[in-house]
Amino acid sequence: MEPARDDEPGEVLIVTGMSGAGRSTVANALEDLDWYVVDNLPPRMLRPLLELTELAGGAVPRVAVVVDVRGRSLFGDLPEAMRTLQANRQLRVVFLDASDAVLVRRFEAVRRPHPLQDDGTILDGIRRERERLAPVREAADVVIDTSALNVHQLSLRTVSLFGEEGAARHTVTLMSFGFKYGLPPDVDLVADMRFLPNPFWNDELRALTGEDPRVREYVLAQEGASEFLDAYATALRPVMEGYQRENKRHSVVAVGCTGGKHRSVVMARELAARLSDVPGVAVRVAHRDLGRE
């Protein structure tokens, strides 16, 4: 099969469904997956929007449009817009649903009225919405019942359905730093490498950094270095797996030494290498204080 050309129309996803069923959660998850997301777009604006994305060539390969009853009378244009677009675009429709009881509880929890309840009750609005959305639900490619899903579970379901195969669900940054410059402000976990002898006191290594093979060899040869790396990497694996289950998309593991120049640089890179094969995890390395005097 020939690869898609940059000027070929990209994939389009319409996200719709019952108010309170999780459209915002799905939209946020799609943005994290690098979809271009447009919220509350009137259906008759779908074609002009997609024409604009086509003019961008391959810059906007995947577009997700959130359409709901906030558009009031304009929402009735959605079935016809779907049929027109399916003729020349790769279009999928995901419909989010939940039981009446769950939807009522969600509206009561946020203390907001249903957009269609008018002078009636929340349940009146839900019933009107179900009637209006029945044709759209019937034509949907994917129906997700979110009654028993929390926001993390719904996000993970979105990733599994609409993420690229093999795409990372979590990115961890291994960041070296120097304690004398203070802790990084946005870290999740901190490891202290000051239990290892400091290469700074070795005249031949002082001017070098942990990027130099001679410093790496010196640090890894110290008692406890390899044992720490193996044990800490083993301990981090279930943490990375748990972050994925909880839909925590990013984390920072800070690896510190006195100045952030020798030991922490070596150990951050070694930890990154040991975590590189954790399924669903992308690993980055950053050196906050490397180069400081």
Protein backbone atom coordinates (compact mmCIF):
# COMPACT_ATOMS: atom_id res chain seq x y z
CA MET A 1 0.00 0.00 0.00
CA GLU A 2 1.33 3.41 -0.92
CA PRO A 3 1.79 5.92 1.91
CA ALA A 4 -0.72 8.75 2.12
CA ARG A 5 0.36 11.92 0.35
CA ASP A 6 0.61 15.15 2.32
CA ASP A 7 -2.22 16.64 0.24
CA GLU A 8 -4.64 13.77 0.85
CA PRO A 9 -7.60 14.54 3.16
CA GLY A 10 -6.92 13.42 6.71
CA GLU A 11 -9.10 11.59 9.19
CA VAL A 12 -12.15 13.31 10.70
CA LEU A 13 -13.80 12.34 13.98
CA ILE A 14 -17.15 13.72 15.13
CA VAL A 15 -17.60 13.53 18.90
CA THR A 16 -21.20 13.84 19.99
CA GLY A 17 -23.67 12.31 22.39
CA MET A 18 -25.59 13.04 25.56
CA SER A 19 -24.80 16.11 27.61
CA GLY A 20 -22.89 15.00 30.70
CA ALA A 21 -21.66 11.78 29.09
CA GLY A 22 -18.02 12.89 28.84
CA ARG A 23 -17.48 14.86 25.64
CA SER A 24 -15.00 17.23 27.30
CA THR A 25 -12.98 14.32 28.67
CA VAL A 26 -12.78 12.71 25.24
CA ALA A 27 -11.86 16.04 23.61
CA ASN A 28 -9.01 16.57 26.09
CA ALA A 29 -7.72 13.04 25.53
CA LEU A 30 -7.79 13.55 21.75
CA GLU A 31 -5.82 16.79 22.11
CA ASP A 32 -3.19 14.86 24.08
CA LEU A 33 -3.06 12.46 21.11
CA ASP A 34 -2.32 15.42 18.78
CA TRP A 35 -5.75 15.59 17.20
CA TYR A 36 -6.85 19.09 16.18
CA VAL A 37 -9.99 19.54 18.28
CA VAL A 38 -12.79 22.05 17.62
CA ASP A 39 -15.51 22.32 20.27
CA ASN A 40 -19.19 23.21 19.83
CA LEU A 41 -19.06 23.68 16.06
CA PRO A 42 -22.42 24.11 14.27
CA PRO A 43 -22.79 21.17 11.83
CA ARG A 44 -23.18 23.45 8.81
CA MET A 45 -19.66 24.77 9.55
CA LEU A 46 -18.10 21.31 9.23
CA ARG A 47 -17.45 21.53 5.50
CA PRO A 48 -15.81 25.01 5.60
CA LEU A 49 -13.64 23.86 8.51
CA LEU A 50 -12.47 20.75 6.68
CA GLU A 51 -11.80 22.73 3.52
CA LEU A 52 -9.48 24.96 5.55
CA THR A 53 -7.65 21.93 6.94
CA GLU A 54 -7.21 20.59 3.40
CA LEU A 55 -5.56 23.86 2.42
CA ALA A 56 -3.03 23.23 5.19
CA GLY A 57 -1.83 20.12 3.36
CA GLY A 58 -0.56 17.51 5.82
CA ALA A 59 -0.26 19.99 8.71
CA VAL A 60 -3.62 18.94 10.19
CA PRO A 61 -3.90 15.20 9.50
CA ARG A 62 -6.52 14.41 12.16
CA VAL A 63 -9.45 16.65 13.06
CA ALA A 64 -11.95 16.01 15.86
CA VAL A 65 -15.12 18.09 16.03
CA VAL A 66 -17.31 18.18 19.14
CA VAL A 67 -20.95 18.69 18.15
CA ASP A 68 -23.82 18.80 20.64
CA VAL A 69 -27.23 20.24 21.40
CA ARG A 70 -25.79 23.55 22.55
CA GLY A 71 -26.21 24.45 18.88
CA ARG A 72 -29.99 24.18 19.42
CA SER A 73 -31.76 24.28 16.05
CA LEU A 74 -28.46 24.05 14.17
CA PHE A 75 -27.90 20.55 15.59
CA GLY A 76 -30.56 19.19 13.25
CA ASP A 77 -28.15 19.69 10.36
CA LEU A 78 -25.78 17.02 11.71
CA PRO A 79 -27.18 13.86 10.02
CA GLU A 80 -27.11 15.50 6.58
CA ALA A 81 -23.64 16.92 7.19
CA MET A 82 -22.41 13.44 8.18
CA ARG A 83 -23.79 11.86 5.00
CA THR A 84 -22.19 14.55 2.82
CA LEU A 85 -18.78 14.28 4.47
CA GLN A 86 -18.68 10.48 4.39
CA ALA A 87 -18.73 10.65 0.60
CA ASN A 88 -15.23 12.15 0.37
CA ARG A 89 -13.55 12.01 3.78
CA GLN A 90 -12.44 9.31 6.18
CA LEU A 91 -15.12 10.07 8.76
CA ARG A 92 -15.97 8.36 12.02
CA VAL A 93 -18.61 9.28 14.57
CA VAL A 94 -18.27 8.48 18.27
CA PHE A 95 -21.41 8.77 20.38
CA LEU A 96 -21.12 9.10 24.16
CA ASP A 97 -24.02 7.83 26.23
CA ALA A 98 -24.91 7.11 29.85
CA SER A 99 -27.95 6.03 31.79
CA ASP A 100 -30.54 8.62 32.79
CA ALA A 101 -29.80 8.11 36.48
CA VAL A 102 -26.06 8.69 35.99
CA LEU A 103 -26.63 11.78 33.87
CA VAL A 104 -28.98 13.25 36.48
CA ARG A 105 -26.37 12.67 39.21
CA ARG A 106 -23.67 14.34 37.11
CA PHE A 107 -25.78 17.43 36.45
CA GLU A 108 -26.73 17.66 40.10
CA ALA A 109 -23.07 17.35 41.12
CA VAL A 110 -22.02 20.35 39.02
CA ARG A 111 -25.26 22.26 39.79
CA ARG A 112 -25.90 23.18 36.20
CA PRO A 113 -29.16 22.85 34.24
CA HIS A 114 -29.50 20.54 31.28
CA PRO A 115 -29.32 22.60 28.05
CA LEU A 116 -32.77 21.35 26.98
CA GLN A 117 -34.66 21.26 30.26
CA ASP A 118 -36.12 24.78 29.88
CA ASP A 119 -38.69 25.13 32.69
CA GLY A 120 -38.79 21.39 33.35
CA THR A 121 -36.52 19.03 35.25
CA ILE A 122 -33.10 17.67 34.36
CA LEU A 123 -34.78 14.40 33.40
CA ASP A 124 -37.11 16.27 31.03
CA GLY A 125 -34.06 17.73 29.27
CA ILE A 126 -32.38 14.32 29.05
CA ARG A 127 -35.48 12.77 27.45
CA ARG A 128 -35.76 15.56 24.89
CA GLU A 129 -32.07 15.15 24.06
CA ARG A 130 -32.41 11.38 23.58
CA GLU A 131 -35.22 11.90 21.10
CA ARG A 132 -33.26 14.47 19.16
CA LEU A 133 -30.06 12.39 19.10
CA ALA A 134 -31.64 9.03 18.22
CA PRO A 135 -30.79 9.22 14.46
CA VAL A 136 -27.20 10.26 15.21
CA ARG A 137 -26.70 7.44 17.72
CA GLU A 138 -28.02 4.92 15.23
CA ALA A 139 -25.54 6.09 12.58
CA ALA A 140 -22.52 6.30 14.93
CA ASP A 141 -19.47 4.13 14.29
CA VAL A 142 -18.61 3.86 17.99
CA VAL A 143 -20.97 4.11 20.97
CA ILE A 144 -19.35 4.43 24.39
CA ASP A 145 -21.50 4.00 27.49
CA THR A 146 -19.75 6.00 30.19
CA SER A 147 -22.14 5.13 33.01
CA ALA A 148 -19.53 3.05 34.86
CA LEU A 149 -16.42 4.95 33.70
CA ASN A 150 -14.55 7.65 35.60
CA VAL A 151 -12.67 10.35 33.71
CA HIS A 152 -9.39 8.39 33.75
CA GLN A 153 -11.02 5.24 32.41
CA LEU A 154 -12.79 7.19 29.67
CA SER A 155 -9.52 8.86 28.66
CA LEU A 156 -7.81 5.47 28.45
CA ARG A 157 -10.69 4.13 26.35
CA THR A 158 -10.25 7.10 24.01
CA VAL A 159 -6.52 6.44 23.70
CA SER A 160 -7.13 2.78 22.90
CA LEU A 161 -9.71 3.63 20.22
CA PHE A 162 -8.19 6.69 18.56
CA GLY A 163 -4.49 6.74 19.41
CA GLU A 164 -1.96 5.63 16.84
CA GLU A 165 -0.90 2.03 17.27
CA GLY A 166 2.19 1.86 19.45
CA ALA A 167 1.90 5.51 20.56
CA ALA A 168 3.14 6.24 24.07
CA ARG A 169 0.49 6.69 26.73
CA HIS A 170 2.94 8.22 29.21
CA THR A 171 6.10 10.28 28.86
CA VAL A 172 8.65 10.24 31.67
CA THR A 173 11.52 12.71 31.84
CA LEU A 174 14.67 11.68 33.69
CA MET A 175 16.08 15.02 34.80
CA SER A 176 19.51 15.44 36.33
CA PHE A 177 19.96 18.41 38.65
CA GLY A 178 22.21 19.87 41.35
CA PHE A 179 20.89 20.08 44.91
CA LYS A 180 22.88 23.26 45.47
CA TYR A 181 20.64 24.98 42.89
CA GLY A 182 17.43 23.74 44.49
CA LEU A 183 14.90 21.05 43.61
CA PRO A 184 13.15 21.29 40.23
CA PRO A 185 9.67 22.67 40.95
CA ASP A 186 7.63 20.18 38.90
CA VAL A 187 9.09 16.81 39.87
CA ASP A 188 7.10 13.73 40.81
CA LEU A 189 9.93 11.62 42.24
CA VAL A 190 13.46 12.48 43.46
CA ALA A 191 16.51 10.24 43.65
CA ASP A 192 19.65 11.36 45.52
CA MET A 193 22.99 10.27 44.02
CA ARG A 194 25.13 11.84 46.74
CA PHE A 195 25.71 8.38 48.24
CA LEU A 196 28.28 7.85 45.47
CA PRO A 197 31.82 9.32 45.55
CA ASN A 198 31.95 12.67 43.79
CA PRO A 199 34.11 12.80 40.61
CA PHE A 200 34.66 16.48 41.39
CA TRP A 201 37.40 15.43 43.82
CA ASN A 202 39.23 13.54 41.08
CA ASP A 203 41.57 15.99 39.36
CA GLU A 204 41.34 14.15 36.04
CA LEU A 205 37.52 14.19 36.03
CA ARG A 206 36.67 17.52 37.65
CA ALA A 207 36.48 19.52 34.42
CA LEU A 208 34.51 16.81 32.61
CA THR A 209 30.78 16.01 32.81
CA GLY A 210 28.69 12.90 33.11
CA GLU A 211 28.44 12.86 29.31
CA ASP A 212 32.10 11.88 29.11
CA PRO A 213 32.76 8.12 28.96
CA ARG A 214 35.51 8.42 31.58
CA VAL A 215 33.11 9.93 34.11
CA ARG A 216 30.45 7.35 33.28
CA GLU A 217 32.93 4.52 33.83
CA TYR A 218 34.05 6.01 37.14
CA VAL A 219 30.51 6.49 38.49
CA LEU A 220 29.24 3.07 37.46
CA ALA A 221 32.29 1.39 39.00
CA GLN A 222 31.41 2.69 42.46
CA GLU A 223 29.97 0.37 45.08
CA GLY A 224 26.19 0.43 45.04
CA ALA A 225 25.78 2.19 41.68
CA SER A 226 24.64 -0.79 39.64
CA GLU A 227 22.57 -2.18 42.51
CA PHE A 228 20.75 1.13 42.85
CA LEU A 229 20.06 1.38 39.12
CA ASP A 230 18.63 -2.12 38.90
CA ALA A 231 16.50 -1.78 42.03
CA TYR A 232 15.19 1.72 41.26
CA ALA A 233 14.34 0.87 37.65
CA THR A 234 12.47 -2.20 38.90
CA ALA A 235 10.57 -0.04 41.39
CA LEU A 236 9.71 2.56 38.73
CA ARG A 237 8.19 0.06 36.29
CA PRO A 238 4.92 -0.49 38.22
CA VAL A 239 4.78 3.27 38.83
CA MET A 240 4.90 3.94 35.07
CA GLU A 241 2.26 1.27 34.49
CA GLY A 242 0.06 2.79 37.19
CA TYR A 243 0.43 6.26 35.71
CA GLN A 244 -0.90 4.88 32.44
CA ARG A 245 -3.91 3.32 34.15
CA GLU A 246 -4.64 6.63 35.87
CA ASN A 247 -4.15 8.55 32.61
CA LYS A 248 -1.26 10.59 34.00
CA ARG A 249 0.34 11.62 30.73
CA HIS A 250 3.63 13.07 31.97
CA SER A 251 5.97 12.65 34.90
CA VAL A 252 9.41 13.86 35.93
CA VAL A 253 11.90 11.74 37.86
CA ALA A 254 14.62 14.04 39.18
CA VAL A 255 18.07 12.54 39.75
CA GLY A 256 20.25 14.81 41.84
CA CYS A 257 23.82 15.20 42.98
CA THR A 258 25.65 18.17 44.47
CA GLY A 259 26.18 20.23 41.31
CA GLY A 260 24.21 18.35 38.67
CA LYS A 261 27.31 17.81 36.56
CA HIS A 262 28.69 14.31 37.12
CA ARG A 263 26.86 11.60 39.07
CA SER A 264 23.29 12.70 38.36
CA VAL A 265 23.96 13.02 34.62
CA VAL A 266 25.35 9.49 34.41
CA MET A 267 22.64 7.93 36.54
CA ALA A 268 19.79 9.74 34.76
CA ARG A 269 20.96 8.34 31.43
CA GLU A 270 21.40 4.86 32.85
CA LEU A 271 17.91 4.89 34.38
CA ALA A 272 16.45 6.09 31.08
CA ALA A 273 18.08 3.17 29.28
CA ARG A 274 16.60 0.73 31.78
CA LEU A 275 13.10 2.18 31.39
CA SER A 276 13.16 2.43 27.61
CA ASP A 277 11.39 -0.90 27.13
CA VAL A 278 8.43 -0.26 29.46
CA PRO A 279 5.32 -0.73 27.27
CA GLY A 280 3.43 2.46 26.50
CA VAL A 281 6.12 4.74 27.93
CA ALA A 282 8.28 7.26 26.09
CA VAL A 283 11.48 8.21 27.91
CA ARG A 284 13.24 11.58 27.73
CA VAL A 285 16.47 12.77 29.35
CA ALA A 286 17.10 16.36 30.42
CA HIS A 287 20.04 17.92 32.30
CA ARG A 288 18.86 21.01 34.12
CA ASP A 289 22.15 22.23 35.55
CA LEU A 290 24.71 20.84 33.14
CA GLY A 291 26.91 23.73 32.01
CA ARG A 292 26.49 25.83 35.13
CA GLU A 293 29.66 27.00 36.83
